[in-house]
Amino acid sequence: MSTLREGNNKKKKTVIDDHQSKPISWQERKCLADQEEDALHKDIQHLTAWTNMIEGMDDKELREYLENRPEALKTTKIPKTNCNHNPKQKKVVSKSKSSTSSGIMASVWKFHKEEDDQQK
């Protein structure tokens, strides 16, 4: 089977030969599946034994276990960063009003202020 692919204005020709890979017989597949099943059973037994051991511990034993557990089982701690002390933090600046709208508002306020003064 051959396919012609075009990408980024370059033409590539890929030839795939269906007869290169040797098919696996069902006996070999069954053997592989059995091996995987055995490995899964061992993992399940190991996990069950570990959970039973943990459930059987009291608080003091659990604390000692956590302090002395192997490096492979330790989780990595990610330090928290304080956002307030970040020097690269950008401050949000609000948009300033255009000078035209400020001038209009100043006139309106002045007009209302004069009107209020006249009524008193």
N, C-alpha and C. Protein backbone atom coordinates (compact mmCIF):
# COMPACT_ATOMS: atom_id res chain seq x y z
N MET A 1 0.85 -1.16 0.00
CA MET A 1 0.00 0.00 0.00
C MET A 1 0.89 1.22 0.00
N SER A 2 0.61 2.18 -0.82
CA SER A 2 1.39 3.41 -0.83
C SER A 2 0.44 4.58 -0.72
N THR A 3 0.91 5.62 -0.03
CA THR A 3 0.11 6.82 0.15
C THR A 3 0.94 8.02 -0.23
N LEU A 4 0.28 9.05 -0.69
CA LEU A 4 0.95 10.29 -1.05
C LEU A 4 0.43 11.37 -0.11
N ARG A 5 1.33 12.01 0.65
CA ARG A 5 0.93 13.01 1.62
C ARG A 5 1.55 14.33 1.23
N GLU A 6 0.77 15.39 1.43
CA GLU A 6 1.27 16.72 1.11
C GLU A 6 1.13 17.58 2.35
N GLY A 7 2.20 18.24 2.75
CA GLY A 7 2.17 19.11 3.92
C GLY A 7 3.26 20.14 3.79
N ASN A 8 2.94 21.37 4.11
CA ASN A 8 3.88 22.50 4.03
C ASN A 8 4.51 22.60 2.64
N ASN A 9 3.71 22.42 1.63
CA ASN A 9 4.13 22.51 0.23
C ASN A 9 5.24 21.52 -0.12
N LYS A 10 5.37 20.45 0.64
CA LYS A 10 6.34 19.41 0.34
C LYS A 10 5.57 18.11 0.14
N LYS A 11 5.96 17.36 -0.87
CA LYS A 11 5.31 16.09 -1.12
C LYS A 11 6.16 14.98 -0.53
N LYS A 12 5.51 14.07 0.20
CA LYS A 12 6.19 12.93 0.79
C LYS A 12 5.51 11.68 0.31
N LYS A 13 6.30 10.68 0.00
CA LYS A 13 5.74 9.41 -0.43
C LYS A 13 6.12 8.38 0.62
N THR A 14 5.12 7.75 1.20
CA THR A 14 5.33 6.75 2.22
C THR A 14 4.86 5.41 1.69
N VAL A 15 5.73 4.44 1.77
CA VAL A 15 5.38 3.10 1.31
C VAL A 15 5.31 2.20 2.53
N ILE A 16 4.17 1.54 2.70
CA ILE A 16 3.96 0.63 3.80
C ILE A 16 3.79 -0.76 3.22
N ASP A 17 4.62 -1.67 3.68
CA ASP A 17 4.55 -3.04 3.18
C ASP A 17 3.82 -3.87 4.23
N ASP A 18 2.69 -4.47 3.86
CA ASP A 18 1.88 -5.24 4.80
C ASP A 18 2.53 -6.58 5.14
N HIS A 19 3.54 -7.02 4.40
CA HIS A 19 4.13 -8.33 4.63
C HIS A 19 5.38 -8.26 5.49
N GLN A 20 5.76 -7.06 5.99
CA GLN A 20 6.96 -6.94 6.81
C GLN A 20 6.76 -7.53 8.20
N SER A 21 5.63 -7.28 8.82
CA SER A 21 5.41 -7.77 10.18
C SER A 21 4.86 -9.18 10.14
N LYS A 22 5.46 -10.02 10.98
CA LYS A 22 5.04 -11.42 11.04
C LYS A 22 3.86 -11.53 12.00
N PRO A 23 2.78 -12.14 11.59
CA PRO A 23 1.63 -12.29 12.49
C PRO A 23 1.98 -13.23 13.65
N ILE A 24 1.42 -12.92 14.81
CA ILE A 24 1.65 -13.74 16.00
C ILE A 24 0.56 -14.80 16.07
N SER A 25 0.97 -16.01 16.33
CA SER A 25 0.00 -17.10 16.41
C SER A 25 -0.83 -16.96 17.69
N TRP A 26 -1.96 -17.62 17.72
CA TRP A 26 -2.84 -17.52 18.88
C TRP A 26 -2.19 -18.16 20.10
N GLN A 27 -1.31 -19.16 19.89
CA GLN A 27 -0.63 -19.80 21.03
C GLN A 27 0.36 -18.81 21.67
N GLU A 28 1.06 -18.02 20.83
CA GLU A 28 1.99 -17.04 21.37
C GLU A 28 1.22 -15.92 22.09
N ARG A 29 0.07 -15.53 21.52
CA ARG A 29 -0.77 -14.52 22.17
C ARG A 29 -1.27 -15.01 23.52
N LYS A 30 -1.69 -16.28 23.57
CA LYS A 30 -2.18 -16.85 24.83
C LYS A 30 -1.07 -16.91 25.86
N CYS A 31 0.13 -17.26 25.42
CA CYS A 31 1.27 -17.32 26.33
C CYS A 31 1.57 -15.94 26.90
N LEU A 32 1.57 -14.91 26.05
CA LEU A 32 1.80 -13.54 26.51
C LEU A 32 0.70 -13.08 27.47
N ALA A 33 -0.54 -13.43 27.15
CA ALA A 33 -1.66 -13.05 28.01
C ALA A 33 -1.55 -13.73 29.36
N ASP A 34 -1.13 -15.00 29.38
CA ASP A 34 -0.96 -15.72 30.64
C ASP A 34 0.16 -15.10 31.48
N GLN A 35 1.24 -14.70 30.84
CA GLN A 35 2.34 -14.06 31.56
C GLN A 35 1.89 -12.74 32.17
N GLU A 36 1.14 -11.96 31.41
CA GLU A 36 0.62 -10.69 31.92
C GLU A 36 -0.34 -10.92 33.08
N GLU A 37 -1.16 -11.96 32.96
CA GLU A 37 -2.11 -12.28 34.02
C GLU A 37 -1.37 -12.67 35.30
N ASP A 38 -0.31 -13.48 35.18
CA ASP A 38 0.47 -13.86 36.35
C ASP A 38 1.13 -12.64 37.01
N ALA A 39 1.64 -11.72 36.18
CA ALA A 39 2.26 -10.52 36.72
C ALA A 39 1.23 -9.66 37.45
N LEU A 40 0.03 -9.57 36.89
CA LEU A 40 -1.04 -8.80 37.55
C LEU A 40 -1.44 -9.44 38.88
N HIS A 41 -1.54 -10.77 38.91
CA HIS A 41 -1.88 -11.46 40.16
C HIS A 41 -0.82 -11.19 41.23
N LYS A 42 0.46 -11.22 40.86
CA LYS A 42 1.53 -10.93 41.82
C LYS A 42 1.43 -9.50 42.33
N ASP A 43 1.14 -8.55 41.42
CA ASP A 43 0.99 -7.16 41.84
C ASP A 43 -0.19 -7.00 42.79
N ILE A 44 -1.29 -7.67 42.50
CA ILE A 44 -2.48 -7.59 43.37
C ILE A 44 -2.18 -8.17 44.74
N GLN A 45 -1.47 -9.30 44.78
CA GLN A 45 -1.12 -9.91 46.08
C GLN A 45 -0.20 -8.98 46.87
N HIS A 46 0.77 -8.37 46.19
CA HIS A 46 1.68 -7.44 46.86
C HIS A 46 0.91 -6.24 47.41
N LEU A 47 0.00 -5.69 46.63
CA LEU A 47 -0.79 -4.55 47.07
C LEU A 47 -1.71 -4.92 48.23
N THR A 48 -2.31 -6.09 48.17
CA THR A 48 -3.19 -6.54 49.25
C THR A 48 -2.39 -6.71 50.55
N ALA A 49 -1.21 -7.30 50.46
CA ALA A 49 -0.37 -7.48 51.65
C ALA A 49 0.03 -6.12 52.22
N TRP A 50 0.38 -5.17 51.35
CA TRP A 50 0.80 -3.84 51.81
C TRP A 50 -0.36 -3.12 52.49
N THR A 51 -1.57 -3.18 51.89
CA THR A 51 -2.72 -2.50 52.51
C THR A 51 -3.08 -3.13 53.85
N ASN A 52 -2.97 -4.45 53.95
CA ASN A 52 -3.24 -5.11 55.23
C ASN A 52 -2.23 -4.67 56.29
N MET A 53 -0.95 -4.52 55.88
CA MET A 53 0.08 -4.08 56.81
C MET A 53 -0.22 -2.65 57.28
N ILE A 54 -0.59 -1.78 56.37
CA ILE A 54 -0.88 -0.39 56.73
C ILE A 54 -2.10 -0.29 57.63
N GLU A 55 -3.14 -1.06 57.32
CA GLU A 55 -4.36 -1.03 58.13
C GLU A 55 -4.10 -1.56 59.53
N GLY A 56 -3.14 -2.46 59.70
CA GLY A 56 -2.85 -3.04 61.00
C GLY A 56 -1.98 -2.16 61.88
N MET A 57 -1.45 -1.08 61.36
CA MET A 57 -0.56 -0.20 62.13
C MET A 57 -1.36 0.80 62.96
N ASP A 58 -0.80 1.14 64.14
CA ASP A 58 -1.40 2.21 64.91
C ASP A 58 -0.75 3.54 64.48
N ASP A 59 -1.17 4.64 65.09
CA ASP A 59 -0.70 5.96 64.67
C ASP A 59 0.82 6.11 64.78
N LYS A 60 1.39 5.59 65.86
CA LYS A 60 2.84 5.72 66.05
C LYS A 60 3.60 4.94 64.97
N GLU A 61 3.14 3.73 64.67
CA GLU A 61 3.80 2.92 63.64
C GLU A 61 3.65 3.56 62.25
N LEU A 62 2.48 4.12 61.98
CA LEU A 62 2.28 4.80 60.70
C LEU A 62 3.21 5.99 60.55
N ARG A 63 3.36 6.77 61.63
CA ARG A 63 4.26 7.93 61.59
C ARG A 63 5.70 7.48 61.32
N GLU A 64 6.13 6.41 62.00
CA GLU A 64 7.48 5.88 61.78
C GLU A 64 7.64 5.37 60.35
N TYR A 65 6.61 4.71 59.84
CA TYR A 65 6.67 4.20 58.47
C TYR A 65 6.81 5.34 57.46
N LEU A 66 6.04 6.39 57.67
CA LEU A 66 6.11 7.53 56.75
C LEU A 66 7.47 8.22 56.81
N GLU A 67 8.08 8.28 57.98
CA GLU A 67 9.38 8.93 58.11
C GLU A 67 10.50 8.07 57.52
N ASN A 68 10.35 6.75 57.56
CA ASN A 68 11.43 5.84 57.14
C ASN A 68 11.13 5.08 55.86
N ARG A 69 10.14 5.48 55.11
CA ARG A 69 9.79 4.75 53.89
C ARG A 69 10.87 4.96 52.82
N PRO A 70 10.93 4.07 51.84
CA PRO A 70 11.94 4.18 50.78
C PRO A 70 11.75 5.44 49.94
N GLU A 71 12.85 5.92 49.35
CA GLU A 71 12.82 7.13 48.53
C GLU A 71 11.85 7.00 47.36
N ALA A 72 11.75 5.79 46.79
CA ALA A 72 10.89 5.58 45.63
C ALA A 72 9.42 5.83 45.95
N LEU A 73 9.06 5.63 47.22
CA LEU A 73 7.66 5.80 47.60
C LEU A 73 7.35 7.21 48.13
N LYS A 74 8.38 8.02 48.33
CA LYS A 74 8.14 9.36 48.84
C LYS A 74 7.61 10.25 47.74
N THR A 75 6.70 11.12 48.12
CA THR A 75 6.15 12.07 47.16
C THR A 75 6.98 13.34 47.21
N THR A 76 7.03 14.02 46.11
CA THR A 76 7.78 15.27 46.09
C THR A 76 6.87 16.41 46.53
N LYS A 77 7.42 17.27 47.35
CA LYS A 77 6.66 18.41 47.83
C LYS A 77 6.97 19.61 46.96
N ILE A 78 5.94 20.29 46.55
CA ILE A 78 6.08 21.50 45.73
C ILE A 78 5.87 22.68 46.66
N PRO A 79 6.89 23.52 46.81
CA PRO A 79 6.73 24.66 47.73
C PRO A 79 5.71 25.65 47.20
N LYS A 80 4.94 26.20 48.13
CA LYS A 80 3.96 27.20 47.76
C LYS A 80 4.66 28.53 47.56
N THR A 81 4.22 29.24 46.56
CA THR A 81 4.79 30.56 46.32
C THR A 81 3.80 31.60 46.80
N ASN A 82 4.33 32.65 47.37
CA ASN A 82 3.49 33.73 47.86
C ASN A 82 3.31 34.73 46.73
N CYS A 83 2.11 34.87 46.27
CA CYS A 83 1.82 35.74 45.12
C CYS A 83 2.06 37.20 45.44
N ASN A 84 1.95 37.60 46.69
CA ASN A 84 2.09 39.00 47.05
C ASN A 84 3.53 39.49 46.93
N HIS A 85 4.49 38.57 47.04
CA HIS A 85 5.90 38.95 47.01
C HIS A 85 6.55 38.68 45.67
N ASN A 86 5.77 38.48 44.64
CA ASN A 86 6.31 38.22 43.31
C ASN A 86 6.66 39.54 42.65
N PRO A 87 7.95 39.80 42.39
CA PRO A 87 8.30 41.10 41.82
C PRO A 87 7.87 41.25 40.36
N LYS A 88 7.65 40.17 39.68
CA LYS A 88 7.26 40.25 38.28
C LYS A 88 5.75 40.33 38.09
N GLN A 89 5.02 40.38 39.20
CA GLN A 89 3.57 40.42 39.11
C GLN A 89 3.12 41.76 38.53
N LYS A 90 2.25 41.71 37.56
CA LYS A 90 1.76 42.92 36.91
C LYS A 90 0.56 43.46 37.68
N LYS A 91 0.53 44.77 37.80
CA LYS A 91 -0.61 45.41 38.44
C LYS A 91 -1.66 45.70 37.39
N VAL A 92 -2.91 45.55 37.78
CA VAL A 92 -4.00 45.82 36.87
C VAL A 92 -4.29 47.31 36.91
N VAL A 93 -4.22 47.92 35.76
CA VAL A 93 -4.47 49.36 35.67
C VAL A 93 -5.75 49.55 34.90
N SER A 94 -6.66 50.33 35.48
CA SER A 94 -7.91 50.58 34.78
C SER A 94 -7.69 51.61 33.69
N LYS A 95 -8.51 51.54 32.67
CA LYS A 95 -8.40 52.49 31.56
C LYS A 95 -8.81 53.88 32.04
N SER A 96 -8.03 54.84 31.64
CA SER A 96 -8.41 56.20 31.99
C SER A 96 -9.49 56.67 31.00
N LYS A 97 -10.37 57.50 31.51
CA LYS A 97 -11.44 58.00 30.65
C LYS A 97 -10.84 59.01 29.67
N SER A 98 -11.45 59.08 28.54
CA SER A 98 -10.95 60.05 27.55
C SER A 98 -11.19 61.47 28.08
N SER A 99 -10.37 62.39 27.61
CA SER A 99 -10.47 63.77 28.10
C SER A 99 -11.81 64.39 27.73
N THR A 100 -12.39 63.95 26.63
CA THR A 100 -13.67 64.50 26.20
C THR A 100 -14.77 64.14 27.19
N SER A 101 -14.79 62.86 27.61
CA SER A 101 -15.85 62.46 28.54
C SER A 101 -15.65 63.14 29.90
N SER A 102 -14.40 63.34 30.31
CA SER A 102 -14.15 64.03 31.59
C SER A 102 -14.62 65.48 31.50
N GLY A 103 -14.37 66.11 30.37
CA GLY A 103 -14.80 67.50 30.20
C GLY A 103 -16.31 67.62 30.20
N ILE A 104 -16.98 66.69 29.55
CA ILE A 104 -18.45 66.70 29.51
C ILE A 104 -19.00 66.49 30.91
N MET A 105 -18.44 65.52 31.65
CA MET A 105 -18.93 65.26 33.00
C MET A 105 -18.68 66.46 33.90
N ALA A 106 -17.56 67.13 33.73
CA ALA A 106 -17.27 68.31 34.55
C ALA A 106 -18.32 69.39 34.29
N SER A 107 -18.69 69.56 33.03
CA SER A 107 -19.71 70.57 32.69
C SER A 107 -21.05 70.20 33.28
N VAL A 108 -21.42 68.93 33.20
CA VAL A 108 -22.70 68.49 33.74
C VAL A 108 -22.73 68.70 35.24
N TRP A 109 -21.65 68.31 35.92
CA TRP A 109 -21.61 68.49 37.37
C TRP A 109 -21.67 69.97 37.74
N LYS A 110 -20.98 70.79 37.00
CA LYS A 110 -20.99 72.23 37.27
C LYS A 110 -22.40 72.78 37.09
N PHE A 111 -23.07 72.34 36.01
CA PHE A 111 -24.42 72.79 35.74
C PHE A 111 -25.35 72.40 36.87
N HIS A 112 -25.28 71.15 37.33
CA HIS A 112 -26.15 70.69 38.41
C HIS A 112 -25.80 71.39 39.72
N LYS A 113 -24.53 71.66 39.94
CA LYS A 113 -24.13 72.34 41.17
C LYS A 113 -24.68 73.76 41.20
N GLU A 114 -24.59 74.44 40.05
CA GLU A 114 -25.13 75.80 39.98
C GLU A 114 -26.64 75.79 40.14
N GLU A 115 -27.30 74.78 39.57
CA GLU A 115 -28.75 74.67 39.68
C GLU A 115 -29.16 74.43 41.13
N ASP A 116 -28.40 73.58 41.84
CA ASP A 116 -28.70 73.32 43.25
C ASP A 116 -28.48 74.56 44.11
N ASP A 117 -27.44 75.33 43.78
CA ASP A 117 -27.17 76.55 44.54
C ASP A 117 -28.27 77.58 44.34
N GLN A 118 -28.84 77.66 43.13
CA GLN A 118 -29.89 78.62 42.84
C GLN A 118 -31.19 78.25 43.55
N GLN A 119 -31.45 76.97 43.73
CA GLN A 119 -32.69 76.55 44.39
C GLN A 119 -32.64 76.81 45.88
N LYS A 120 -31.50 76.90 46.47
CA LYS A 120 -31.39 77.09 47.92
C LYS A 120 -31.53 78.50 48.27
